[in-house]
Amino acid sequence: MKRFVLALVGWAALTGSVAAADLARPVPQPYYQAPVAAQLYNWTGFYIGVNGGGAFGRSAWDPTGHFNMSGGIVGGTVGYNYQFGQAVVGVEGDIDWAGISGTTNNLCPLGCKTSDSWLSTVRGRLGYAADRFMPFVTGGAAFGNIQATTPGFIGASSSQVGLTVGAGLEFAIAGNWTAKAEYLYVDLGKFTCGLSCGVLPTNNVSFTTNLVRAGVNYRF
């Protein structure tokens, strides 16, 4: 009987130890992998590209008053961006072939014509990086060659320096490619054509235009 009681006590002690070990063992928790944060697009770097679009503007010869001009442009672009935080600052230059012209017969029976054969700008840009989208404002210097002609007269031309301001939106397409749409206002001032344009008195010719264009850039 004594041996039976001792065996029963030993069995109870062993059972309690096993139960305690089971209770102390931590219950395994399900494994959750932390989500990987998406890499935001970075606009820093050099780029080159092409652009093209339309132009509509106005010219004035002193005796004739203002008249409308229109045409198209196409050319190349080069630039550099630097991003800090969500701000993007940069500089951009472009040179375009231009076919912008307009003619008036007001006080000019043979037709007074203003035209532009090329346009170029060098501008600063300030943008706001919303990941792959970047609205921006821009402004700087503009350059162009303005011709003033009247049938039967020599006419005149002048390489002008003026100003430009505008705004646009650029967005990343895929890889290193981006696309943009922008508006620029260009004022190339005025120059004197004089007797070679056949209009008296001395004639001042002005040129302003609005550019609406799109472009594609490749970033390095």
Protein backbone atom coordinates (compact mmCIF):
# COMPACT_ATOMS: atom_id res chain seq x y z
CA MET A 1 0.00 0.00 0.00
CA LYS A 2 2.84 2.34 0.92
CA ARG A 3 4.52 1.70 -2.42
CA PHE A 4 1.28 2.42 -4.24
CA VAL A 5 0.88 5.78 -2.50
CA LEU A 6 4.49 6.77 -3.30
CA ALA A 7 4.03 5.83 -6.93
CA LEU A 8 0.82 7.87 -7.11
CA VAL A 9 2.57 10.92 -5.62
CA GLY A 10 5.48 10.59 -8.06
CA TRP A 11 3.12 10.30 -11.03
CA ALA A 12 1.20 13.43 -9.91
CA ALA A 13 4.44 15.41 -9.54
CA LEU A 14 5.64 14.35 -13.00
CA THR A 15 2.27 15.23 -14.58
CA GLY A 16 2.31 18.66 -12.95
CA SER A 17 5.82 19.41 -14.25
CA VAL A 18 4.82 18.48 -17.82
CA ALA A 19 1.68 20.62 -17.59
CA ALA A 20 3.67 23.56 -16.25
CA ALA A 21 6.17 23.23 -19.10
CA ASP A 22 3.31 23.25 -21.60
CA LEU A 23 1.80 26.35 -20.01
CA ALA A 24 5.14 28.20 -20.10
CA ARG A 25 5.70 27.55 -23.80
CA PRO A 26 4.80 30.73 -25.81
CA VAL A 27 2.10 30.41 -28.39
CA PRO A 28 3.63 31.06 -31.86
CA GLN A 29 2.40 34.31 -33.41
CA PRO A 30 1.46 34.65 -37.09
CA TYR A 31 4.21 36.27 -39.24
CA TYR A 32 3.40 39.54 -40.97
CA GLN A 33 5.88 41.01 -43.42
CA ALA A 34 6.16 44.79 -43.15
CA PRO A 35 4.96 46.53 -46.33
CA VAL A 36 7.75 47.81 -48.56
CA ALA A 37 7.57 51.60 -48.97
CA ALA A 38 7.20 52.66 -52.60
CA GLN A 39 10.23 54.51 -53.96
CA LEU A 40 9.26 58.08 -54.86
CA TYR A 41 10.39 59.40 -58.23
CA ASN A 42 13.48 61.62 -58.11
CA TRP A 43 13.76 64.45 -60.67
CA THR A 44 17.46 65.25 -60.16
CA GLY A 45 19.68 64.96 -63.25
CA PHE A 46 20.42 66.06 -66.80
CA TYR A 47 18.01 65.48 -69.68
CA ILE A 48 17.63 66.04 -73.42
CA GLY A 49 14.49 65.95 -75.51
CA VAL A 50 12.37 67.16 -78.38
CA ASN A 51 9.42 69.55 -78.41
CA GLY A 52 6.84 70.88 -80.81
CA GLY A 53 3.58 72.77 -80.92
CA GLY A 54 1.74 75.81 -82.13
CA ALA A 55 2.12 79.58 -81.82
CA PHE A 56 -0.33 82.47 -81.99
CA GLY A 57 0.61 86.06 -81.42
CA ARG A 58 0.60 89.66 -82.66
CA SER A 59 2.82 92.07 -84.50
CA ALA A 60 2.54 95.80 -85.18
CA TRP A 61 4.06 98.15 -87.72
CA ASP A 62 3.75 101.76 -86.60
CA PRO A 63 1.37 102.91 -89.37
CA THR A 64 -0.67 99.67 -89.53
CA GLY A 65 -1.56 98.85 -85.94
CA HIS A 66 -1.64 95.31 -84.55
CA PHE A 67 -2.39 92.19 -86.59
CA ASN A 68 -2.43 88.48 -85.81
CA MET A 69 0.26 85.88 -86.49
CA SER A 70 0.23 82.09 -86.19
CA GLY A 71 2.32 79.05 -87.05
CA GLY A 72 4.22 76.08 -85.66
CA ILE A 73 7.51 75.24 -83.96
CA VAL A 74 9.62 72.09 -83.51
CA GLY A 75 13.06 71.62 -81.99
CA GLY A 76 15.29 70.27 -79.24
CA THR A 77 15.64 70.75 -75.47
CA VAL A 78 18.42 70.30 -72.91
CA GLY A 79 18.24 70.89 -69.16
CA TYR A 80 19.10 69.99 -65.59
CA ASN A 81 16.93 69.51 -62.47
CA TYR A 82 17.88 69.38 -58.80
CA GLN A 83 15.33 68.13 -56.25
CA PHE A 84 15.38 68.82 -52.53
CA GLY A 85 12.35 67.68 -50.60
CA GLN A 86 9.44 68.21 -52.93
CA ALA A 87 10.91 71.33 -54.54
CA VAL A 88 12.61 71.03 -57.93
CA VAL A 89 14.79 73.81 -59.35
CA GLY A 90 16.41 73.68 -62.75
CA VAL A 91 17.53 75.39 -65.90
CA GLU A 92 16.34 74.57 -69.42
CA GLY A 93 17.31 75.71 -72.90
CA ASP A 94 15.74 75.01 -76.28
CA ILE A 95 16.09 76.03 -79.88
CA ASP A 96 13.24 75.57 -82.37
CA TRP A 97 12.61 76.01 -86.04
CA ALA A 98 9.66 78.40 -86.30
CA GLY A 99 7.18 79.13 -89.03
CA ILE A 100 5.27 81.99 -87.43
CA SER A 101 3.92 84.78 -89.66
CA GLY A 102 1.14 87.23 -90.29
CA THR A 103 0.24 89.92 -92.85
CA THR A 104 -1.86 93.06 -92.79
CA ASN A 105 -3.12 95.35 -95.57
CA ASN A 106 -4.17 98.10 -93.20
CA LEU A 107 -2.45 101.25 -94.54
CA CYS A 108 -0.18 98.84 -96.42
CA PRO A 109 -1.93 97.92 -99.70
CA LEU A 110 0.85 95.58 -100.87
CA GLY A 111 0.85 93.70 -97.56
CA CYS A 112 3.11 94.19 -94.55
CA LYS A 113 4.35 90.83 -93.30
CA THR A 114 6.10 89.88 -90.04
CA SER A 115 7.62 86.43 -89.69
CA ASP A 116 9.95 84.47 -87.44
CA SER A 117 12.21 81.63 -88.64
CA TRP A 118 13.60 80.38 -85.29
CA LEU A 119 13.03 80.76 -81.56
CA SER A 120 15.20 79.90 -78.58
CA THR A 121 14.77 80.27 -74.81
CA VAL A 122 16.99 79.91 -71.75
CA ARG A 123 14.85 79.65 -68.63
CA GLY A 124 14.86 78.83 -64.97
CA ARG A 125 12.24 76.38 -63.72
CA LEU A 126 10.66 75.91 -60.29
CA GLY A 127 8.55 72.81 -59.79
CA TYR A 128 6.68 70.86 -57.12
CA ALA A 129 7.38 67.11 -57.15
CA ALA A 130 4.23 65.08 -56.49
CA ASP A 131 5.99 61.75 -57.05
CA ARG A 132 5.82 61.20 -60.84
CA PHE A 133 4.01 64.49 -61.57
CA MET A 134 5.65 67.92 -61.48
CA PRO A 135 3.75 71.17 -62.16
CA PHE A 136 6.18 74.04 -62.72
CA VAL A 137 6.55 77.73 -63.49
CA THR A 138 9.31 79.04 -65.73
CA GLY A 139 10.84 82.26 -66.99
CA GLY A 140 13.93 83.71 -68.60
CA ALA A 141 15.34 85.06 -71.86
CA ALA A 142 14.03 84.52 -75.39
CA PHE A 143 15.82 84.90 -78.71
CA GLY A 144 14.56 84.95 -82.30
CA ASN A 145 15.05 86.28 -85.81
CA ILE A 146 12.25 88.60 -86.93
CA GLN A 147 11.73 89.54 -90.58
CA ALA A 148 9.64 92.44 -91.86
CA THR A 149 8.85 92.43 -95.61
CA THR A 150 6.70 94.25 -98.13
CA PRO A 151 6.45 93.07 -101.77
CA GLY A 152 8.71 95.15 -104.03
CA PHE A 153 10.97 96.33 -101.19
CA ILE A 154 14.12 94.90 -99.64
CA GLY A 155 12.65 94.38 -96.19
CA ALA A 156 14.70 93.90 -93.02
CA SER A 157 15.44 91.34 -90.34
CA SER A 158 16.80 91.50 -86.82
CA SER A 159 18.01 88.95 -84.26
CA GLN A 160 16.11 89.98 -81.15
CA VAL A 161 16.54 89.31 -77.42
CA GLY A 162 13.45 89.42 -75.24
CA LEU A 163 11.76 87.68 -72.35
CA THR A 164 9.54 84.68 -71.75
CA VAL A 165 7.38 83.40 -68.86
CA GLY A 166 5.10 80.40 -68.58
CA ALA A 167 3.99 77.28 -66.78
CA GLY A 168 3.48 73.60 -67.44
CA LEU A 169 3.22 70.01 -66.21
CA GLU A 170 5.82 67.27 -66.60
CA PHE A 171 5.25 63.62 -65.70
CA ALA A 172 7.33 60.45 -65.71
CA ILE A 173 6.20 57.87 -68.27
CA ALA A 174 8.45 54.83 -67.79
CA GLY A 175 12.12 54.28 -67.08
CA ASN A 176 14.05 57.48 -67.80
CA TRP A 177 11.40 58.99 -70.07
CA THR A 178 9.22 61.96 -69.16
CA ALA A 179 6.63 63.96 -71.09
CA LYS A 180 5.54 67.55 -70.65
CA ALA A 181 3.01 70.13 -71.79
CA GLU A 182 3.70 73.83 -71.36
CA TYR A 183 2.64 77.35 -72.23
CA LEU A 184 5.12 80.19 -72.86
CA TYR A 185 4.53 83.87 -73.52
CA VAL A 186 7.35 85.38 -75.61
CA ASP A 187 8.04 89.09 -76.20
CA LEU A 188 10.91 89.89 -78.57
CA GLY A 189 10.42 93.65 -78.41
CA LYS A 190 10.66 95.73 -81.60
CA PHE A 191 13.15 96.87 -84.20
CA THR A 192 13.26 99.61 -86.85
CA CYS A 193 12.67 98.61 -90.45
CA GLY A 194 12.66 102.07 -92.03
CA LEU A 195 12.65 102.81 -95.77
CA SER A 196 13.65 99.24 -96.71
CA CYS A 197 10.10 98.17 -95.77
CA GLY A 198 8.52 100.89 -97.92
CA VAL A 199 6.50 102.55 -95.17
CA LEU A 200 6.94 106.15 -94.04
CA PRO A 201 7.70 107.51 -91.51
CA THR A 202 10.38 105.34 -89.80
CA ASN A 203 8.74 102.04 -89.03
CA ASN A 204 9.03 100.06 -85.78
CA VAL A 205 8.07 96.37 -85.95
CA SER A 206 7.05 94.48 -82.78
CA PHE A 207 6.65 90.75 -82.13
CA THR A 208 4.90 88.83 -79.33
CA THR A 209 3.67 85.25 -79.40
CA ASN A 210 2.12 82.54 -77.24
CA LEU A 211 3.56 79.03 -77.49
CA VAL A 212 1.55 75.94 -76.61
CA ARG A 213 3.73 72.87 -76.97
CA ALA A 214 4.44 69.34 -75.81
CA GLY A 215 7.73 67.52 -75.40
CA VAL A 216 9.39 64.23 -74.52
CA ASN A 217 12.64 64.13 -72.49
CA TYR A 218 15.17 61.41 -71.66
CA ARG A 219 16.81 61.71 -68.23
CA PHE A 220 20.39 60.60 -67.48
